[in-house]
PDB file of N, CA and C in Angstrom:
ATOM      1  N   MET A   1     -94.415   9.259  90.296  1.00  0.00           N
ATOM      2  CA  MET A   1     -95.228   8.193  90.838  1.00  0.00           C
ATOM      3  C   MET A   1     -95.409   8.341  92.348  1.00  0.00           C
ATOM      4  N   ASP A   2     -94.937   9.432  92.912  1.00  0.00           N
ATOM      5  CA  ASP A   2     -95.018   9.650  94.352  1.00  0.00           C
ATOM      6  C   ASP A   2     -96.476   9.779  94.775  1.00  0.00           C
ATOM      7  N   GLU A   3     -96.900   8.922  95.662  1.00  0.00           N
ATOM      8  CA  GLU A   3     -98.281   8.937  96.101  1.00  0.00           C
ATOM      9  C   GLU A   3     -98.520   9.890  97.272  1.00  0.00           C
ATOM     10  N   LEU A   4     -97.458  10.463  97.844  1.00  0.00           N
ATOM     11  CA  LEU A   4     -97.602  11.399  98.964  1.00  0.00           C
ATOM     12  C   LEU A   4     -97.431  12.854  98.553  1.00  0.00           C
ATOM     13  N   ILE A   5     -96.457  13.124  97.701  1.00  0.00           N
ATOM     14  CA  ILE A   5     -96.187  14.484  97.244  1.00  0.00           C
ATOM     15  C   ILE A   5     -96.256  14.474  95.716  1.00  0.00           C
ATOM     16  N   PRO A   6     -97.339  14.980  95.147  1.00  0.00           N
ATOM     17  CA  PRO A   6     -97.462  14.964  93.686  1.00  0.00           C
ATOM     18  C   PRO A   6     -96.282  15.680  93.006  1.00  0.00           C
ATOM     19  N   TYR A   7     -95.837  15.113  91.905  1.00  0.00           N
ATOM     20  CA  TYR A   7     -94.707  15.672  91.153  1.00  0.00           C
ATOM     21  C   TYR A   7     -94.928  17.148  90.850  1.00  0.00           C
ATOM     22  N   ARG A   8     -96.134  17.503  90.430  1.00  0.00           N
ATOM     23  CA  ARG A   8     -96.414  18.888  90.045  1.00  0.00           C
ATOM     24  C   ARG A   8     -96.216  19.854  91.208  1.00  0.00           C
ATOM     25  N   VAL A   9     -96.428  19.401  92.446  1.00  0.00           N
ATOM     26  CA  VAL A   9     -96.223  20.261  93.617  1.00  0.00           C
ATOM     27  C   VAL A   9     -94.737  20.562  93.777  1.00  0.00           C
ATOM     28  N   GLY A  10     -93.902  19.537  93.706  1.00  0.00           N
ATOM     29  CA  GLY A  10     -92.456  19.743  93.801  1.00  0.00           C
ATOM     30  C   GLY A  10     -91.919  20.572  92.648  1.00  0.00           C
ATOM     31  N   ALA A  11     -92.401  20.286  91.445  1.00  0.00           N
ATOM     32  CA  ALA A  11     -91.948  21.026  90.267  1.00  0.00           C
ATOM     33  C   ALA A  11     -92.342  22.496  90.350  1.00  0.00           C
ATOM     34  N   ALA A  12     -93.521  22.782  90.870  1.00  0.00           N
ATOM     35  CA  ALA A  12     -93.961  24.175  91.015  1.00  0.00           C
ATOM     36  C   ALA A  12     -93.084  24.905  92.027  1.00  0.00           C
ATOM     37  N   LEU A  13     -92.751  24.249  93.125  1.00  0.00           N
ATOM     38  CA  LEU A  13     -91.864  24.856  94.121  1.00  0.00           C
ATOM     39  C   LEU A  13     -90.486  25.110  93.524  1.00  0.00           C
ATOM     40  N   ARG A  14     -89.962  24.133  92.791  1.00  0.00           N
ATOM     41  CA  ARG A  14     -88.673  24.293  92.106  1.00  0.00           C
ATOM     42  C   ARG A  14     -88.716  25.501  91.174  1.00  0.00           C
ATOM     43  N   ASP A  15     -89.764  25.609  90.389  1.00  0.00           N
ATOM     44  CA  ASP A  15     -89.876  26.708  89.427  1.00  0.00           C
ATOM     45  C   ASP A  15     -89.949  28.067  90.125  1.00  0.00           C
ATOM     46  N   ARG A  16     -90.649  28.130  91.249  1.00  0.00           N
ATOM     47  CA  ARG A  16     -90.725  29.405  91.996  1.00  0.00           C
ATOM     48  C   ARG A  16     -89.354  29.812  92.515  1.00  0.00           C
ATOM     49  N   TRP A  17     -88.609  28.855  93.063  1.00  0.00           N
ATOM     50  CA  TRP A  17     -87.264  29.184  93.568  1.00  0.00           C
ATOM     51  C   TRP A  17     -86.352  29.594  92.414  1.00  0.00           C
ATOM     52  N   CYS A  18     -86.406  28.861  91.307  1.00  0.00           N
ATOM     53  CA  CYS A  18     -85.573  29.210  90.145  1.00  0.00           C
ATOM     54  C   CYS A  18     -85.899  30.613  89.644  1.00  0.00           C
ATOM     55  N   ALA A  19     -87.180  30.957  89.623  1.00  0.00           N
ATOM     56  CA  ALA A  19     -87.590  32.281  89.160  1.00  0.00           C
ATOM     57  C   ALA A  19     -87.033  33.390  90.039  1.00  0.00           C
ATOM     58  N   ARG A  20     -86.706  33.059  91.269  1.00  0.00           N
ATOM     59  CA  ARG A  20     -86.125  34.032  92.201  1.00  0.00           C
ATOM     60  C   ARG A  20     -84.593  34.029  92.161  1.00  0.00           C
ATOM     61  N   GLY A  21     -84.024  33.238  91.257  1.00  0.00           N
ATOM     62  CA  GLY A  21     -82.578  33.211  91.092  1.00  0.00           C
ATOM     63  C   GLY A  21     -81.847  32.309  92.074  1.00  0.00           C
ATOM     64  N   VAL A  22     -82.583  31.457  92.770  1.00  0.00           N
ATOM     65  CA  VAL A  22     -81.967  30.547  93.738  1.00  0.00           C
ATOM     66  C   VAL A  22     -81.393  29.347  92.981  1.00  0.00           C
ATOM     67  N   PRO A  23     -80.141  28.959  93.265  1.00  0.00           N
ATOM     68  CA  PRO A  23     -79.600  27.772  92.604  1.00  0.00           C
ATOM     69  C   PRO A  23     -80.310  26.527  93.135  1.00  0.00           C
ATOM     70  N   VAL A  24     -80.953  25.803  92.260  1.00  0.00           N
ATOM     71  CA  VAL A  24     -81.733  24.626  92.639  1.00  0.00           C
ATOM     72  C   VAL A  24     -81.093  23.382  92.037  1.00  0.00           C
ATOM     73  N   GLU A  25     -80.859  22.400  92.870  1.00  0.00           N
ATOM     74  CA  GLU A  25     -80.410  21.092  92.388  1.00  0.00           C
ATOM     75  C   GLU A  25     -81.639  20.192  92.364  1.00  0.00           C
ATOM     76  N   TRP A  26     -81.967  19.665  91.201  1.00  0.00           N
ATOM     77  CA  TRP A  26     -83.187  18.879  91.019  1.00  0.00           C
ATOM     78  C   TRP A  26     -82.836  17.528  90.433  1.00  0.00           C
ATOM     79  N   LYS A  27     -83.411  16.485  90.978  1.00  0.00           N
ATOM     80  CA  LYS A  27     -83.218  15.143  90.444  1.00  0.00           C
ATOM     81  C   LYS A  27     -84.568  14.448  90.415  1.00  0.00           C
ATOM     82  N   ASP A  28     -84.902  13.877  89.274  1.00  0.00           N
ATOM     83  CA  ASP A  28     -86.142  13.116  89.137  1.00  0.00           C
ATOM     84  C   ASP A  28     -85.906  11.670  89.566  1.00  0.00           C
ATOM     85  N   TYR A  29     -86.845  11.158  90.324  1.00  0.00           N
ATOM     86  CA  TYR A  29     -86.842   9.744  90.698  1.00  0.00           C
ATOM     87  C   TYR A  29     -88.183   9.165  90.261  1.00  0.00           C
ATOM     88  N   PRO A  30     -88.217   8.312  89.226  1.00  0.00           N
ATOM     89  CA  PRO A  30     -89.492   7.778  88.745  1.00  0.00           C
ATOM     90  C   PRO A  30     -89.959   6.581  89.589  1.00  0.00           C
ATOM     91  N   LEU A  31     -89.963   6.777  90.902  1.00  0.00           N
ATOM     92  CA  LEU A  31     -90.304   5.709  91.836  1.00  0.00           C
ATOM     93  C   LEU A  31     -91.360   6.192  92.815  1.00  0.00           C
ATOM     94  N   ASP A  32     -91.847   5.300  93.658  1.00  0.00           N
ATOM     95  CA  ASP A  32     -92.786   5.696  94.688  1.00  0.00           C
ATOM     96  C   ASP A  32     -92.034   6.420  95.817  1.00  0.00           C
ATOM     97  N   HIS A  33     -92.775   6.985  96.746  1.00  0.00           N
ATOM     98  CA  HIS A  33     -92.197   7.834  97.792  1.00  0.00           C
ATOM     99  C   HIS A  33     -91.161   7.101  98.647  1.00  0.00           C
ATOM    100  N   VAL A  34     -91.522   5.931  99.151  1.00  0.00           N
ATOM    101  CA  VAL A  34     -90.629   5.202 100.053  1.00  0.00           C
ATOM    102  C   VAL A  34     -89.382   4.705  99.328  1.00  0.00           C
ATOM    103  N   THR A  35     -89.539   4.155  98.135  1.00  0.00           N
ATOM    104  CA  THR A  35     -88.379   3.675  97.380  1.00  0.00           C
ATOM    105  C   THR A  35     -87.442   4.830  97.044  1.00  0.00           C
ATOM    106  N   THR A  36     -88.010   5.966  96.681  1.00  0.00           N
ATOM    107  CA  THR A  36     -87.188   7.140  96.399  1.00  0.00           C
ATOM    108  C   THR A  36     -86.438   7.582  97.646  1.00  0.00           C
ATOM    109  N   ALA A  37     -87.110   7.590  98.784  1.00  0.00           N
ATOM    110  CA  ALA A  37     -86.459   7.987 100.035  1.00  0.00           C
ATOM    111  C   ALA A  37     -85.268   7.084 100.321  1.00  0.00           C
ATOM    112  N   VAL A  38     -85.417   5.802 100.138  1.00  0.00           N
ATOM    113  CA  VAL A  38     -84.340   4.853 100.430  1.00  0.00           C
ATOM    114  C   VAL A  38     -83.222   4.961  99.401  1.00  0.00           C
ATOM    115  N   THR A  39     -83.549   4.962  98.114  1.00  0.00           N
ATOM    116  CA  THR A  39     -82.506   5.001  97.086  1.00  0.00           C
ATOM    117  C   THR A  39     -81.850   6.374  96.989  1.00  0.00           C
ATOM    118  N   GLY A  40     -82.531   7.410  97.446  1.00  0.00           N
ATOM    119  CA  GLY A  40     -81.975   8.761  97.379  1.00  0.00           C
ATOM    120  C   GLY A  40     -81.113   9.150  98.565  1.00  0.00           C
ATOM    121  N   ILE A  41     -81.026   8.285  99.571  1.00  0.00           N
ATOM    122  CA  ILE A  41     -80.264   8.618 100.776  1.00  0.00           C
ATOM    123  C   ILE A  41     -78.813   9.003 100.469  1.00  0.00           C
ATOM    124  N   PRO A  42     -78.061   8.235  99.678  1.00  0.00           N
ATOM    125  CA  PRO A  42     -76.668   8.638  99.416  1.00  0.00           C
ATOM    126  C   PRO A  42     -76.560  10.035  98.787  1.00  0.00           C
ATOM    127  N   THR A  43     -77.410  10.325  97.822  1.00  0.00           N
ATOM    128  CA  THR A  43     -77.386  11.637  97.176  1.00  0.00           C
ATOM    129  C   THR A  43     -77.739  12.733  98.167  1.00  0.00           C
ATOM    130  N   ALA A  44     -78.760  12.495  98.979  1.00  0.00           N
ATOM    131  CA  ALA A  44     -79.185  13.489  99.967  1.00  0.00           C
ATOM    132  C   ALA A  44     -78.094  13.739 101.006  1.00  0.00           C
ATOM    133  N   LEU A  45     -77.455  12.684 101.480  1.00  0.00           N
ATOM    134  CA  LEU A  45     -76.395  12.844 102.482  1.00  0.00           C
ATOM    135  C   LEU A  45     -75.184  13.581 101.912  1.00  0.00           C
ATOM    136  N   GLU A  46     -74.857  13.281 100.669  1.00  0.00           N
ATOM    137  CA  GLU A  46     -73.749  13.990 100.008  1.00  0.00           C
ATOM    138  C   GLU A  46     -74.071  15.478  99.883  1.00  0.00           C
ATOM    139  N   TRP A  47     -75.316  15.790  99.502  1.00  0.00           N
ATOM    140  CA  TRP A  47     -75.740  17.180  99.369  1.00  0.00           C
ATOM    141  C   TRP A  47     -75.673  17.885 100.727  1.00  0.00           C
ATOM    142  N   MET A  48     -76.186  17.231 101.759  1.00  0.00           N
ATOM    143  CA  MET A  48     -76.168  17.814 103.107  1.00  0.00           C
ATOM    144  C   MET A  48     -74.741  18.036 103.596  1.00  0.00           C
ATOM    145  N   ALA A  49     -73.856  17.092 103.346  1.00  0.00           N
ATOM    146  CA  ALA A  49     -72.459  17.229 103.773  1.00  0.00           C
ATOM    147  C   ALA A  49     -71.826  18.458 103.132  1.00  0.00           C
ATOM    148  N   GLY A  50     -72.117  18.690 101.877  1.00  0.00           N
ATOM    149  CA  GLY A  50     -71.598  19.874 101.202  1.00  0.00           C
ATOM    150  C   GLY A  50     -72.088  21.161 101.839  1.00  0.00           C
ATOM    151  N   ARG A  51     -73.367  21.213 102.171  1.00  0.00           N
ATOM    152  CA  ARG A  51     -73.915  22.427 102.794  1.00  0.00           C
ATOM    153  C   ARG A  51     -73.303  22.631 104.179  1.00  0.00           C
ATOM    154  N   LEU A  52     -73.134  21.555 104.944  1.00  0.00           N
ATOM    155  CA  LEU A  52     -72.540  21.662 106.280  1.00  0.00           C
ATOM    156  C   LEU A  52     -71.068  22.057 106.218  1.00  0.00           C
ATOM    157  N   ALA A  53     -70.414  21.764 105.095  1.00  0.00           N
ATOM    158  CA  ALA A  53     -69.019  22.147 104.891  1.00  0.00           C
ATOM    159  C   ALA A  53     -68.906  23.532 104.273  1.00  0.00           C
ATOM    160  N   ASP A  54     -70.015  24.269 104.226  1.00  0.00           N
ATOM    161  CA  ASP A  54     -70.070  25.620 103.658  1.00  0.00           C
ATOM    162  C   ASP A  54     -69.748  25.662 102.165  1.00  0.00           C
ATOM    163  N   GLU A  55     -69.954  24.571 101.471  1.00  0.00           N
ATOM    164  CA  GLU A  55     -69.792  24.568 100.019  1.00  0.00           C
ATOM    165  C   GLU A  55     -71.100  25.061  99.405  1.00  0.00           C
ATOM    166  N   PRO A  56     -71.038  25.990  98.477  1.00  0.00           N
ATOM    167  CA  PRO A  56     -72.286  26.472  97.866  1.00  0.00           C
ATOM    168  C   PRO A  56     -72.888  25.398  96.968  1.00  0.00           C
ATOM    169  N   THR A  57     -74.184  25.410  96.878  1.00  0.00           N
ATOM    170  CA  THR A  57     -74.842  24.495  95.950  1.00  0.00           C
ATOM    171  C   THR A  57     -74.613  24.994  94.526  1.00  0.00           C
ATOM    172  N   ARG A  58     -74.353  24.091  93.639  1.00  0.00           N
ATOM    173  CA  ARG A  58     -74.082  24.467  92.246  1.00  0.00           C
ATOM    174  C   ARG A  58     -75.374  24.759  91.502  1.00  0.00           C
ATOM    175  N   GLY A  59     -76.378  24.011  91.809  1.00  0.00           N
ATOM    176  CA  GLY A  59     -77.616  24.152  91.063  1.00  0.00           C
ATOM    177  C   GLY A  59     -77.486  23.501  89.704  1.00  0.00           C
ATOM    178  N   ASN A  60     -78.542  22.871  89.259  1.00  0.00           N
ATOM    179  CA  ASN A  60     -78.535  22.276  87.936  1.00  0.00           C
ATOM    180  C   ASN A  60     -79.797  22.633  87.166  1.00  0.00           C
ATOM    181  N   ARG A  61     -80.512  23.632  87.682  1.00  0.00           N
ATOM    182  CA  ARG A  61     -81.727  24.115  87.046  1.00  0.00           C
ATOM    183  C   ARG A  61     -81.658  25.633  86.927  1.00  0.00           C
ATOM    184  N   ALA A  62     -82.233  26.125  85.884  1.00  0.00           N
ATOM    185  CA  ALA A  62     -82.314  27.569  85.688  1.00  0.00           C
ATOM    186  C   ALA A  62     -83.755  27.947  85.380  1.00  0.00           C
ATOM    187  N   ALA A  63     -84.084  29.169  85.681  1.00  0.00           N
ATOM    188  CA  ALA A  63     -85.456  29.634  85.408  1.00  0.00           C
ATOM    189  C   ALA A  63     -85.682  29.708  83.919  1.00  0.00           C
TER     190      ALA A  63
END
């Protein structure tokens, strides 16, 4: 429902990275852009903290 970044654009980018063997963590938010940004903050901050702590991303998507 994102009115700024169409779902298909994000999904296509995800698929390209997965096809290259990059571990991708993907989460669907069936909300508008702003609501997703606000409700996704805890998840995003947790993900960023892991990367800053040199923890590898696990990825939850495969090609």
